[in-house]
Every structure is written in structure tokens, then in C-alpha cells.
Protein backbone atom coordinates (compact mmCIF):
# COMPACT_ATOMS: atom_id res chain seq x y z
CA MET A 1 0.00 0.00 0.00
CA CYS A 2 1.32 3.45 -0.94
CA GLY A 3 1.87 5.52 2.13
CA GLY A 4 3.78 2.84 3.99
CA PHE A 5 7.41 2.95 4.95
CA THR A 6 8.79 1.58 1.66
CA CYS A 7 6.59 3.80 -0.47
CA SER A 8 7.58 6.92 1.49
CA LYS A 9 11.23 6.00 1.25
CA ASN A 10 11.13 5.44 -2.51
CA ALA A 11 9.12 8.62 -3.05
CA LEU A 12 11.60 10.69 -1.05
CA ILE A 13 14.54 9.20 -2.94
CA ALA A 14 12.86 9.86 -6.29
CA LEU A 15 11.98 13.41 -5.27
CA ASN A 16 15.56 14.21 -4.31
CA ILE A 17 16.84 12.80 -7.59
CA LEU A 18 14.34 15.10 -9.29
CA TYR A 19 15.71 18.01 -7.27
CA VAL A 20 19.20 17.31 -8.58
CA VAL A 21 17.80 17.61 -12.10
CA VAL A 22 15.83 20.74 -11.15
CA ALA A 23 18.90 22.34 -9.58
CA SER A 24 20.84 21.66 -12.77
CA ILE A 25 18.06 23.37 -14.75
CA LEU A 26 18.09 26.36 -12.39
CA ILE A 27 21.84 26.71 -12.73
CA SER A 28 21.60 26.43 -16.53
CA VAL A 29 18.84 29.04 -16.69
CA ALA A 30 20.77 31.40 -14.43
CA VAL A 31 23.88 31.02 -16.56
CA TYR A 32 21.79 31.69 -19.64
CA GLY A 33 20.29 34.66 -17.84
CA GLN A 34 23.70 36.20 -17.49
CA ALA A 35 23.65 36.46 -21.30
CA SER A 36 27.01 38.19 -21.26
CA SER A 37 29.56 39.57 -18.82
CA LEU A 38 27.31 42.62 -18.50
CA VAL A 39 24.46 40.69 -16.90
CA THR A 40 26.75 38.82 -14.52
CA ASN A 41 26.11 41.51 -11.91
CA LEU A 42 22.34 41.12 -11.83
CA PRO A 43 21.66 40.16 -8.19
CA ILE A 44 18.36 38.34 -8.79
CA VAL A 45 19.85 35.99 -11.37
CA GLY A 46 22.69 35.36 -8.92
CA GLY A 47 20.11 34.42 -6.30
CA ILE A 48 18.63 31.80 -8.62
CA LEU A 49 22.11 30.42 -9.24
CA ALA A 50 22.79 30.20 -5.50
CA CYS A 51 19.47 28.42 -4.94
CA GLY A 52 20.41 25.85 -7.56
CA VAL A 53 23.75 25.11 -5.91
CA PHE A 54 22.21 24.83 -2.42
CA LEU A 55 19.43 22.63 -3.76
CA ILE A 56 21.96 20.12 -5.10
CA LEU A 57 23.72 19.97 -1.73
CA ILE A 58 20.45 19.58 0.17
CA SER A 59 19.29 16.88 -2.25
CA LEU A 60 22.40 14.86 -1.52
CA LEU A 61 21.69 15.23 2.21
CA GLY A 62 18.09 14.10 1.63
CA LEU A 63 19.21 11.10 -0.39
CA ALA A 64 21.58 9.98 2.33
CA GLY A 65 18.94 10.46 5.03
CA ALA A 66 16.28 8.63 3.02
CA VAL A 67 18.48 5.62 2.23
CA LYS A 68 19.69 5.25 5.82
CA HIS A 69 16.47 6.45 7.51
CA HIS A 70 18.77 8.69 9.53
CA GLN A 71 16.76 10.78 11.97
CA VAL A 72 19.28 13.61 12.35
CA MET A 73 19.91 13.94 8.61
CA LEU A 74 16.20 14.02 7.87
CA PHE A 75 15.62 16.67 10.54
CA PHE A 76 18.25 19.02 9.16
CA TYR A 77 17.04 18.24 5.65
CA MET A 78 13.53 19.43 6.54
CA VAL A 79 14.71 22.61 8.25
CA ILE A 80 17.16 23.64 5.52
CA LEU A 81 14.76 22.76 2.71
CA PHE A 82 12.01 24.88 4.25
CA LEU A 83 14.39 27.84 4.56
CA LEU A 84 15.42 27.32 0.94
CA PHE A 85 11.75 27.34 -0.04
CA LEU A 86 11.33 30.78 1.53
CA VAL A 87 14.38 32.15 -0.26
CA GLN A 88 13.56 30.56 -3.62
CA PHE A 89 9.93 31.64 -3.47
CA SER A 90 10.95 35.24 -2.71
CA VAL A 91 13.55 35.33 -5.48
CA ALA A 92 11.14 33.79 -8.01
CA CYS A 93 8.46 36.36 -7.17
CA ALA A 94 11.05 39.12 -7.51
CA CYS A 95 12.04 37.84 -10.95
CA LEU A 96 8.44 37.79 -12.15
CA GLY A 97 7.71 41.19 -10.63
CA VAL A 98 10.59 43.06 -12.29
CA ASN A 99 9.32 45.47 -14.94
CA SER A 100 11.19 46.84 -17.94
CA ASP A 101 12.36 49.99 -16.12
CA GLN A 102 13.79 47.94 -13.26
CA GLN A 103 15.48 45.58 -15.72
CA LYS A 104 17.04 48.59 -17.42
CA MET A 105 18.21 50.00 -14.09
CA LEU A 106 19.80 46.69 -13.04
CA ALA A 107 21.48 46.30 -16.41
CA GLN A 108 22.78 49.87 -16.14
CA GLN A 109 24.28 49.05 -12.75
CA GLY A 110 25.98 46.02 -14.26
CA TRP A 111 27.31 48.09 -17.15
CA ASN A 112 28.73 50.70 -14.79
CA GLN A 113 30.53 48.08 -12.68
CA VAL A 114 32.42 46.27 -15.46
CA ASP A 115 35.60 47.55 -17.06
CA MET A 116 36.16 48.67 -20.64
CA ASP A 117 37.41 45.28 -21.81
CA VAL A 118 34.16 43.61 -20.79
CA ARG A 119 32.11 46.37 -22.43
CA GLU A 120 34.05 45.90 -25.62
CA GLN A 121 33.31 42.16 -25.54
CA VAL A 122 29.60 42.91 -25.10
CA GLN A 123 29.63 45.35 -28.02
CA GLN A 124 31.33 42.82 -30.28
CA ARG A 125 29.12 39.92 -29.22
CA PHE A 126 25.80 41.76 -29.59
CA GLN A 127 26.94 44.10 -32.37
CA CYS A 128 25.96 47.23 -30.49
CA CYS A 129 27.53 50.46 -29.30
CA GLY A 130 27.31 51.87 -25.76
CA PHE A 131 24.56 51.15 -23.29
CA GLN A 132 22.01 53.78 -24.31
CA ASN A 133 21.60 56.42 -26.96
CA LEU A 134 24.38 58.99 -26.62
CA PRO A 135 25.55 62.00 -28.60
CA PRO A 136 28.18 61.05 -31.20
CA ASN A 137 30.97 62.84 -29.32
CA VAL A 138 30.31 61.09 -25.98
CA THR A 139 32.40 57.94 -25.74
CA THR A 140 33.63 58.06 -22.17
CA ASP A 141 31.42 55.23 -20.91
CA HIS A 142 32.18 52.70 -23.63
CA PRO A 143 35.03 51.68 -25.95
CA PRO A 144 35.17 52.79 -29.58
CA CYS A 145 32.55 51.04 -31.71
CA ASP A 146 33.32 49.00 -34.78
CA ILE A 147 30.74 50.30 -37.23
CA ARG A 148 31.55 47.57 -39.74
CA ASN A 149 30.57 44.96 -37.16
CA CYS A 150 27.16 46.51 -36.59
CA CYS A 151 26.20 47.51 -40.10
CA ASN A 152 28.03 45.08 -42.37
CA ASP A 153 29.23 48.04 -44.47
CA LEU A 154 25.70 49.33 -45.10
CA PRO A 155 25.53 53.05 -45.95
CA ASP A 156 24.10 55.56 -43.45
CA CYS A 157 24.01 52.95 -40.68
CA GLN A 158 24.40 53.52 -36.95
CA CYS A 159 24.97 50.93 -34.24
CA GLN A 160 22.08 50.30 -31.89
CA PRO A 161 22.66 50.75 -28.14
CA CYS A 162 23.40 47.54 -26.28
CA MET A 163 20.34 47.85 -24.04
CA GLU A 164 18.09 47.45 -27.08
CA LYS A 165 19.97 44.31 -28.06
CA LEU A 166 19.94 42.91 -24.51
CA ARG A 167 16.37 43.85 -23.56
CA GLU A 168 14.69 40.73 -24.95
CA THR A 169 17.39 38.41 -23.62
CA ILE A 170 17.23 39.91 -20.13
CA ASP A 171 13.43 39.83 -20.03
CA ARG A 172 13.33 36.19 -21.16
CA ALA A 173 15.93 35.26 -18.54
CA PHE A 174 13.93 36.87 -15.72
CA LYS A 175 10.72 35.15 -16.81
CA LEU A 176 12.42 31.75 -17.09
CA CYS A 177 14.14 32.09 -13.73
CA GLY A 178 10.95 33.24 -12.02
CA GLY A 179 8.65 30.66 -13.58
CA ILE A 180 10.86 27.66 -12.97
CA GLY A 181 11.81 28.81 -9.48
CA LEU A 182 8.20 29.45 -8.47
CA PHE A 183 6.93 26.12 -9.81
CA PHE A 184 9.53 23.98 -8.11
CA SER A 185 9.53 25.93 -4.85
CA PHE A 186 6.09 24.51 -4.04
CA THR A 187 7.36 20.97 -4.47
CA GLU A 188 9.83 21.69 -1.68
CA LEU A 189 6.93 22.04 0.76
CA PHE A 190 5.75 18.61 -0.32
CA ALA A 191 9.25 17.26 0.25
CA VAL A 192 9.29 18.70 3.78
CA TRP A 193 5.95 17.04 4.55
CA LEU A 194 7.09 13.73 3.03
CA ALA A 195 10.38 13.77 4.95
CA ARG A 196 8.56 14.45 8.22
CA ARG A 197 6.13 11.61 7.54
CA TYR A 198 8.89 9.20 6.56
CA ARG A 199 10.97 10.19 9.59
CA ASN A 200 8.15 9.30 11.98
CA GLN A 201 7.42 5.93 10.39
CA PRO A 202 8.96 2.85 12.00
CA ASP A 203 11.29 0.75 9.88
CA PRO A 204 9.69 -2.72 9.50
CA ASN A 205 13.10 -4.23 8.76
CA TYR A 206 14.67 -2.86 11.91
CA LYS A 207 15.23 -5.45 14.61
CA GLU A 208 15.81 -4.63 18.23
CA PRO A 209 19.12 -5.86 19.63
CA HIS A 210 17.39 -8.22 22.03
CA ALA A 211 15.62 -9.86 19.06
CA ILE A 212 18.99 -10.90 17.68
CA PHE A 213 20.66 -11.56 20.99
CA PRO A 214 17.96 -12.62 23.43
CA ARG A 215 18.51 -11.36 26.91
CA LYS A 216 18.99 -14.15 29.44
CA ASN A 217 17.09 -14.05 32.66
CA TYR A 218 19.27 -14.79 35.62
CA LEU A 219 17.89 -15.75 38.97
CA TYR A 220 19.80 -14.38 41.90
């Protein structure tokens, strides 16, 4: 019957294996969300990346506790996983709640923090020039632009600002991070409940020491 000791154990093991896969997805999405060295400094995407790393570590703890039916491991697994749920849920909601102006502000902060070499790499990769529209004689915040890279030798062509090139990528990254993080954060509550239930169930294969070595009754 499902709900017994063996079923709870197998379900908890399967759930933690799933979490390893989910954590790998979160890490991949966060890395994709960086999009370039410019977006590396976005704090919300970094939060998703940190959640993915912690989720892998916690999943390994849950796997060990489930296989061994270790009371202490399962207890710490429940506590840490619930705290991770709170963090991941908050970060996911923040990702989904970021509007275009806030995305632009965060990207601007990232652009201001990186050096000229990184900005030049961004301009070459996305075929853009500068972060926003600037007068032609203002070049203090970005390296010189290679017009041939942007325009492919087309006449009367001007490079687009990098924010216009990055806007869609950044928005897609936030939506992916928020959606995946929000969906899987609710499964962590289920994992906490399942771990608590499994922890309180007696192991039918466990034998008391006196069952193996019967205690002798001595008459004094």
C-alpha cells in the first residue's frame, strides 16, 4: 500500500533525484540569464544560481537520510529545505515582478561596474555600441565602436545601443528564472511534509538488539 514505509522511502529518494535535475536546470537558466559579462552583476539571477547550488547539496543530504532512515539527517534536511523554499519563493516572485524599467536599471548598474574590456566584448558579441543612446561625441562610458561589425558596411548605418539588443534576452531570462523557481519551490513544501512523515514511520526491517541476541534471565 502506498503511504507505507517503503513507499515513502522510494518517493523521497525519487523526489531528491528530481531536485538534482531541477537544480541543474536552475543553474543552466541562471547562466543563460547572465547572457554576457554585463548581466553577470544582476543580483536576482545570482540568487537563482545560488538556490540551484544549495538545492543540489540539500538533495544529496536528503538522499543519504532517506536511504539510511537517519533521523538527524532528515531533521536538518527538513529545516534547511524549508528555509530554501522561503528564499527561492521570494527570489522567483522578484524575478516575475521586475518590470522593464527595473530591468534597465539593473542592467545599467551592471554596465557601470564592469571595465572597458568587458564592455568591448559585449559590443562585439551583440553588435551594439554603448549602453544607451548617446551623442556622437560622448564615448567616455564605452570603448570605440566598430561600425563595420554593426552595419556590415551598409551606408548611413548607426549601431544600436546595447540595451536594445539585450532587452529581450534579459526579459526572457527573468521570466524563465521566475517561472521555474516558483513552480519547483512549491514541491519543496511537499518534500518537507514527506520527509517528516517518513521520519516518523517505523522501519519494518529494523530489529531490536534483544531480538537478535535474546537477553537471558538470571535468577539471583
